[in-house]
Protein backbone atom coordinates (compact mmCIF):
# COMPACT_ATOMS: atom_id res chain seq x y z
CA MET A 1 97.29 77.04 64.96
CA LYS A 2 98.10 75.63 68.29
CA LYS A 3 97.89 71.75 66.79
CA GLN A 4 99.73 72.45 63.95
CA LEU A 5 102.77 74.04 66.13
CA TYR A 6 102.40 70.81 68.61
CA PHE A 7 102.13 68.44 66.03
CA TYR A 8 105.34 70.15 64.10
CA VAL A 9 107.21 69.77 67.58
CA LEU A 10 106.93 66.20 67.77
CA MET A 11 107.95 65.83 64.35
CA ILE A 12 111.07 67.86 65.05
CA VAL A 13 111.77 65.62 68.47
CA LEU A 14 110.80 62.82 66.47
CA PHE A 15 113.56 63.49 64.04
CA VAL A 16 116.01 64.40 66.95
CA ALA A 17 115.05 60.56 68.30
CA TYR A 18 115.66 59.07 65.23
CA ASN A 19 119.37 60.70 64.41
CA GLN A 20 120.36 59.95 68.00
CA PHE A 21 118.61 56.63 68.57
CA PHE A 22 117.35 54.91 66.19
CA GLN A 23 119.18 55.09 62.67
CA VAL A 24 119.79 52.22 60.37
CA PRO A 25 122.97 50.68 59.76
CA ASP A 26 122.75 50.92 56.30
CA GLU A 27 124.28 54.55 55.56
CA ARG A 28 122.40 54.60 51.97
CA LEU A 29 119.33 54.26 53.43
CA ASN A 30 119.77 56.31 56.69
CA SER A 31 120.63 59.26 54.40
CA ILE A 32 117.54 58.58 52.14
CA ILE A 33 115.52 58.65 55.75
CA ASN A 34 116.36 61.60 56.58
CA ILE A 35 116.16 63.34 53.13
CA LEU A 36 112.59 62.41 53.33
CA PHE A 37 112.26 63.15 57.00
CA ALA A 38 113.53 66.50 56.63
CA SER A 39 111.61 67.43 53.40
CA PHE A 40 108.40 66.54 54.68
CA LEU A 41 109.32 68.76 58.03
CA PHE A 42 110.20 71.96 55.78
CA LEU A 43 107.04 70.95 53.83
CA TYR A 44 104.70 71.11 57.08
CA ILE A 45 106.64 74.78 57.62
CA GLY A 46 105.47 76.16 54.34
CA TYR A 47 101.82 74.65 54.94
CA MET A 48 101.63 76.47 57.88
CA ALA A 49 102.93 79.91 56.64
CA TYR A 50 100.51 79.33 53.82
CA LEU A 51 97.83 79.32 56.66
CA VAL A 52 99.12 82.11 58.41
CA LEU A 53 99.27 84.06 55.25
CA LYS A 54 95.58 82.78 54.53
CA LYS A 55 94.46 84.19 57.80
CA MET A 56 96.41 87.61 57.72
CA LYS A 57 94.54 87.92 54.33
CA GLY A 58 91.56 87.10 55.36
CA GLY A 59 91.24 89.26 58.13
CA ASP A 60 92.14 92.34 56.30
CA LYS A 61 89.18 91.29 54.06
CA ASN A 62 86.89 91.52 57.13
CA GLU A 63 88.33 94.62 58.61
CA GLU A 64 87.79 96.53 54.96
CA ALA A 65 84.02 95.43 54.87
């Protein structure tokens, strides 16, 4: 799980760095890039939550058996 958290923190740092230093001059294109970046971040946190729930469910089965 640590690898996923490190990758998520790296993606957040890249998102902040892009918005601070590397924005595209075209406002429409910049908005599209921000929306895609944020969507990926939300999708990835959903994936991490799925993994946590899967581990919790698997852990409960092992304790019952």
